[in-house]
Protein backbone atom coordinates (compact mmCIF):
# COMPACT_ATOMS: atom_id res chain seq x y z
CA UNK A 1 22.71 -3.32 -5.81
CA UNK A 2 19.45 -4.23 -6.69
CA UNK A 3 17.63 -1.88 -9.41
CA UNK A 4 14.49 -0.01 -7.60
CA UNK A 5 11.61 -1.48 -7.65
CA UNK A 6 9.56 1.55 -7.95
CA UNK A 7 10.50 4.80 -9.73
CA UNK A 8 8.84 8.05 -9.65
CA UNK A 9 10.52 10.85 -11.73
CA UNK A 10 9.46 14.55 -11.73
CA UNK A 11 5.92 13.57 -11.19
CA UNK A 12 3.21 16.50 -11.14
CA UNK A 13 -0.60 16.60 -10.61
CA UNK A 14 -2.68 19.37 -10.71
CA UNK A 15 -6.47 19.36 -10.27
CA UNK A 16 -8.80 21.85 -12.06
CA UNK A 17 -5.75 22.21 -14.77
CA UNK A 18 -5.90 25.72 -16.40
CA UNK A 19 -9.04 26.69 -14.61
CA UNK A 20 -8.99 29.65 -11.81
CA UNK A 21 -8.30 27.74 -8.13
CA UNK A 22 -6.46 25.14 -9.87
CA UNK A 23 -4.42 22.97 -7.15
CA UNK A 24 -0.91 21.92 -7.65
CA UNK A 25 -0.63 18.56 -5.36
CA UNK A 26 2.13 17.32 -6.44
CA UNK A 27 5.39 19.57 -7.66
CA UNK A 28 8.21 17.26 -9.36
CA UNK A 29 8.03 14.54 -6.96
CA UNK A 30 11.02 11.82 -7.69
CA UNK A 31 10.76 8.79 -5.06
CA UNK A 32 12.93 5.44 -5.88
CA UNK A 33 11.88 2.24 -4.16
CA UNK A 34 14.75 -0.36 -3.42
CA UNK A 35 13.93 -4.42 -2.90
CA UNK A 36 12.81 -5.24 0.87
CA UNK A 37 13.10 -1.65 1.45
CA UNK A 38 10.23 -0.44 4.19
CA UNK A 39 9.78 3.73 3.70
CA UNK A 40 7.43 6.10 5.55
CA UNK A 41 5.82 8.84 3.89
CA UNK A 42 5.00 11.03 6.51
CA UNK A 43 2.70 14.37 5.62
CA UNK A 44 0.11 16.55 7.63
CA UNK A 45 -3.39 16.23 6.66
CA UNK A 46 -4.15 17.63 2.65
CA UNK A 47 -0.68 17.52 1.61
CA UNK A 48 -1.68 15.12 -1.00
CA UNK A 49 0.23 11.74 0.82
CA UNK A 50 -3.14 9.64 -0.63
CA UNK A 51 -2.92 11.37 -4.17
CA UNK A 52 1.15 10.01 -4.64
CA UNK A 53 -0.04 7.13 -3.58
CA UNK A 54 -2.73 6.81 -6.14
CA UNK A 55 -0.12 7.63 -8.73
CA UNK A 56 2.46 5.39 -7.27
CA UNK A 57 -0.08 2.78 -7.59
CA UNK A 58 -1.41 3.11 -11.18
CA UNK A 59 -5.06 4.37 -9.55
CA UNK A 60 -4.62 7.89 -11.26
CA UNK A 61 -2.03 9.29 -14.01
CA UNK A 62 0.54 11.76 -13.45
CA UNK A 63 0.20 15.48 -14.94
CA UNK A 64 3.40 14.90 -15.82
CA UNK A 65 6.26 12.75 -15.07
CA UNK A 66 6.58 9.36 -14.92
CA UNK A 67 5.80 6.02 -12.76
CA UNK A 68 8.08 3.08 -13.21
CA UNK A 69 7.87 -0.40 -11.90
CA UNK A 70 10.48 -2.90 -12.12
CA UNK A 71 12.02 -0.32 -14.50
CA UNK A 72 9.07 -0.20 -16.76
CA UNK A 73 7.76 2.82 -18.03
CA UNK A 74 3.98 2.69 -17.20
CA UNK A 75 2.84 5.40 -19.45
CA UNK A 76 3.62 3.38 -22.21
CA UNK A 77 1.46 0.19 -21.48
CA UNK A 78 -2.28 0.18 -22.32
CA UNK A 79 -4.67 0.53 -19.64
CA UNK A 80 -5.32 -3.13 -19.55
CA UNK A 81 -1.64 -3.58 -19.33
CA UNK A 82 -1.53 -1.18 -16.33
CA UNK A 83 -4.86 -2.77 -14.50
CA UNK A 84 -2.80 -6.09 -15.11
CA UNK A 85 0.33 -4.96 -13.30
CA UNK A 86 -1.31 -3.20 -10.63
CA UNK A 87 -3.06 -6.92 -9.51
CA UNK A 88 -0.43 -8.51 -9.83
CA UNK A 89 2.73 -5.95 -8.99
CA UNK A 90 1.25 -3.86 -6.11
CA UNK A 91 -0.59 -4.25 -2.69
CA UNK A 92 -2.89 -1.78 -1.13
CA UNK A 93 -3.82 -1.06 2.53
CA UNK A 94 -6.10 1.86 3.48
CA UNK A 95 -7.27 3.61 6.78
CA UNK A 96 -10.34 1.55 6.91
CA UNK A 97 -10.07 -2.26 6.14
CA UNK A 98 -12.94 -2.54 2.88
CA UNK A 99 -13.32 -6.48 3.41
CA UNK A 100 -16.12 -7.81 1.78
CA UNK A 101 -18.98 -7.82 4.70
CA UNK A 102 -20.71 -10.96 3.66
CA UNK A 103 -17.25 -13.10 3.18
CA UNK A 104 -15.09 -14.81 5.81
CA UNK A 105 -11.80 -13.49 6.86
CA UNK A 106 -10.25 -16.29 4.96
CA UNK A 107 -12.72 -15.84 1.80
CA UNK A 108 -11.76 -12.30 1.62
CA UNK A 109 -7.95 -13.58 1.29
CA UNK A 110 -8.86 -16.54 -1.00
CA UNK A 111 -10.47 -14.25 -3.33
CA UNK A 112 -8.35 -11.87 -5.36
CA UNK A 113 -5.92 -15.16 -5.78
CA UNK A 114 -8.57 -16.92 -7.60
CA UNK A 115 -9.42 -13.91 -9.79
CA UNK A 116 -5.68 -14.18 -10.64
CA UNK A 117 -5.57 -17.66 -12.03
CA UNK A 118 -4.92 -19.75 -8.54
CA UNK A 119 -6.39 -22.72 -7.43
CA UNK A 120 -9.13 -22.58 -4.36
CA UNK A 121 -7.39 -25.34 -2.69
CA UNK A 122 -3.99 -23.06 -3.61
CA UNK A 123 -5.45 -20.10 -2.22
CA UNK A 124 -6.80 -21.40 0.74
CA UNK A 125 -3.92 -23.00 1.99
CA UNK A 126 -1.66 -19.48 1.56
CA UNK A 127 -4.35 -17.50 2.90
CA UNK A 128 -4.31 -19.48 5.80
CA UNK A 129 -0.62 -19.14 5.82
CA UNK A 130 -1.00 -15.70 6.10
CA UNK A 131 -3.09 -15.41 8.51
CA UNK A 132 -1.17 -17.47 10.73
CA UNK A 133 1.68 -14.40 10.39
CA UNK A 134 -0.16 -12.08 11.91
CA UNK A 135 -1.73 -14.14 14.53
CA UNK A 136 -5.56 -14.26 13.11
CA UNK A 137 -5.46 -18.02 11.90
CA UNK A 138 -7.96 -18.57 14.56
CA UNK A 139 -10.47 -16.23 13.30
CA UNK A 140 -10.77 -17.34 9.97
CA UNK A 141 -13.98 -18.40 9.65
CA UNK A 142 -15.48 -15.34 11.07
CA UNK A 143 -17.03 -12.37 8.92
CA UNK A 144 -15.75 -9.04 9.20
CA UNK A 145 -18.69 -7.72 11.64
CA UNK A 146 -17.24 -10.59 14.03
CA UNK A 147 -13.50 -9.07 14.09
CA UNK A 148 -12.18 -6.26 16.40
CA UNK A 149 -10.85 -3.59 14.40
CA UNK A 150 -7.30 -4.54 14.78
CA UNK A 151 -8.09 -8.12 13.64
CA UNK A 152 -9.88 -6.74 10.60
CA UNK A 153 -7.09 -4.66 9.72
CA UNK A 154 -4.51 -7.70 9.80
CA UNK A 155 -7.25 -9.46 7.21
CA UNK A 156 -6.81 -6.16 5.30
CA UNK A 157 -3.06 -7.06 5.15
CA UNK A 158 -2.90 -10.28 4.08
CA UNK A 159 -5.76 -9.15 1.09
CA UNK A 160 -3.22 -7.17 0.30
CA UNK A 161 -0.39 -9.58 0.14
CA UNK A 162 -2.21 -12.62 -1.24
CA UNK A 163 -1.20 -12.42 -4.85
CA UNK A 164 2.54 -11.94 -4.05
CA UNK A 165 3.34 -8.02 -4.89
CA UNK A 166 6.63 -6.69 -5.36
CA UNK A 167 5.10 -3.50 -3.84
CA UNK A 168 2.92 -2.65 -0.55
CA UNK A 169 1.39 0.48 -0.61
CA UNK A 170 -0.32 1.61 2.52
CA UNK A 171 -1.99 5.11 3.43
CA UNK A 172 -2.44 5.50 7.15
CA UNK A 173 -2.87 1.72 7.64
CA UNK A 174 -3.25 2.02 11.26
CA UNK A 175 -5.15 5.42 11.37
CA UNK A 176 -8.87 3.93 12.71
CA UNK A 177 -7.29 2.09 15.72
CA UNK A 178 -6.39 3.34 18.80
CA UNK A 179 -2.60 3.70 20.00
CA UNK A 180 -2.19 0.62 21.75
CA UNK A 181 -3.66 -1.51 19.13
CA UNK A 182 -2.25 0.59 16.20
CA UNK A 183 1.28 -0.43 18.01
CA UNK A 184 0.34 -4.08 17.88
CA UNK A 185 -1.05 -3.92 14.57
CA UNK A 186 1.68 -1.91 12.84
CA UNK A 187 4.22 -4.64 14.36
CA UNK A 188 2.23 -7.40 12.47
CA UNK A 189 2.63 -5.28 9.30
CA UNK A 190 6.57 -4.81 9.32
CA UNK A 191 6.69 -8.57 10.22
CA UNK A 192 4.21 -9.52 7.42
CA UNK A 193 6.65 -7.09 4.88
CA UNK A 194 10.21 -7.77 6.00
CA UNK A 195 9.24 -11.70 6.17
CA UNK A 196 7.80 -11.73 2.66
CA UNK A 197 11.05 -9.52 1.06
CA UNK A 198 8.61 -6.82 -0.72
CA UNK A 199 8.94 -3.29 -0.42
CA UNK A 200 6.68 -0.98 0.99
CA UNK A 201 5.64 2.83 0.86
CA UNK A 202 3.66 3.28 4.19
CA UNK A 203 1.96 7.05 4.48
CA UNK A 204 1.51 7.58 8.54
CA UNK A 205 1.65 11.19 10.42
CA UNK A 206 2.95 8.75 13.12
CA UNK A 207 6.42 9.50 13.76
CA UNK A 208 6.96 7.26 16.35
CA UNK A 209 5.98 4.46 13.30
CA UNK A 210 7.82 6.40 10.80
CA UNK A 211 11.00 5.86 12.73
CA UNK A 212 10.78 2.02 12.48
CA UNK A 213 10.99 1.91 9.20
CA UNK A 214 13.90 1.82 7.07
CA UNK A 215 13.73 5.62 6.15
CA UNK A 216 11.32 8.16 5.94
CA UNK A 217 10.24 10.75 3.26
CA UNK A 218 8.36 13.92 3.92
CA UNK A 219 5.87 15.33 1.57
CA UNK A 220 4.78 18.82 2.57
CA UNK A 221 3.25 21.45 -0.07
CA UNK A 222 3.34 19.05 -2.81
CA UNK A 223 7.57 18.79 -2.73
CA UNK A 224 8.91 15.61 -1.33
CA UNK A 225 12.19 15.93 0.59
CA UNK A 226 14.40 13.56 2.91
CA UNK A 227 13.78 13.20 6.06
CA UNK A 228 10.86 13.37 8.83
CA UNK A 229 12.22 16.78 10.51
């Protein structure tokens, strides 16, 4: 069996620590994500799923515990090294697409690749291939405002995978879409993730979508457990 690509060990996160009204958002969270595994993170609103994703994605530091990526303890790295790991090994998708409005769909996927050292020509080839996989290659030259909500989110998926990360972290990636569009867009995301062989941790409150992933974890009152029941 391959070693896990992402591991959280006894991770805690408390806001306003040591002050009246402090809130323990994560309470000793343990999580292991295997290569190629797609895992649902189910949680009610305000339960801490965004915090968990931010800690796993090196956007925030845990209060205690460790985050390991590729077997390496991220707390032992400098800020600069963590930034490099975040840029190269992690991809992020949010509920809102956050595409750059002044650039086309294609350019939104090309730019992060060029920032990581890829030539413009190579970046363009990969961007077009990703757009084709999610069925929006024909919209490559359109700016975000000219795209539908589902198209915008598909482009956001492609941008997240542009630099070939090892792990995709997604926070309610279809939460802003109507049910029919949500289903189609989520299917495109699953096909893209499985087709590229990366691992994914996808936060959702939609139990039907969660059931289509390899397994599900539930976060409630800061405690992570198996299953969605």
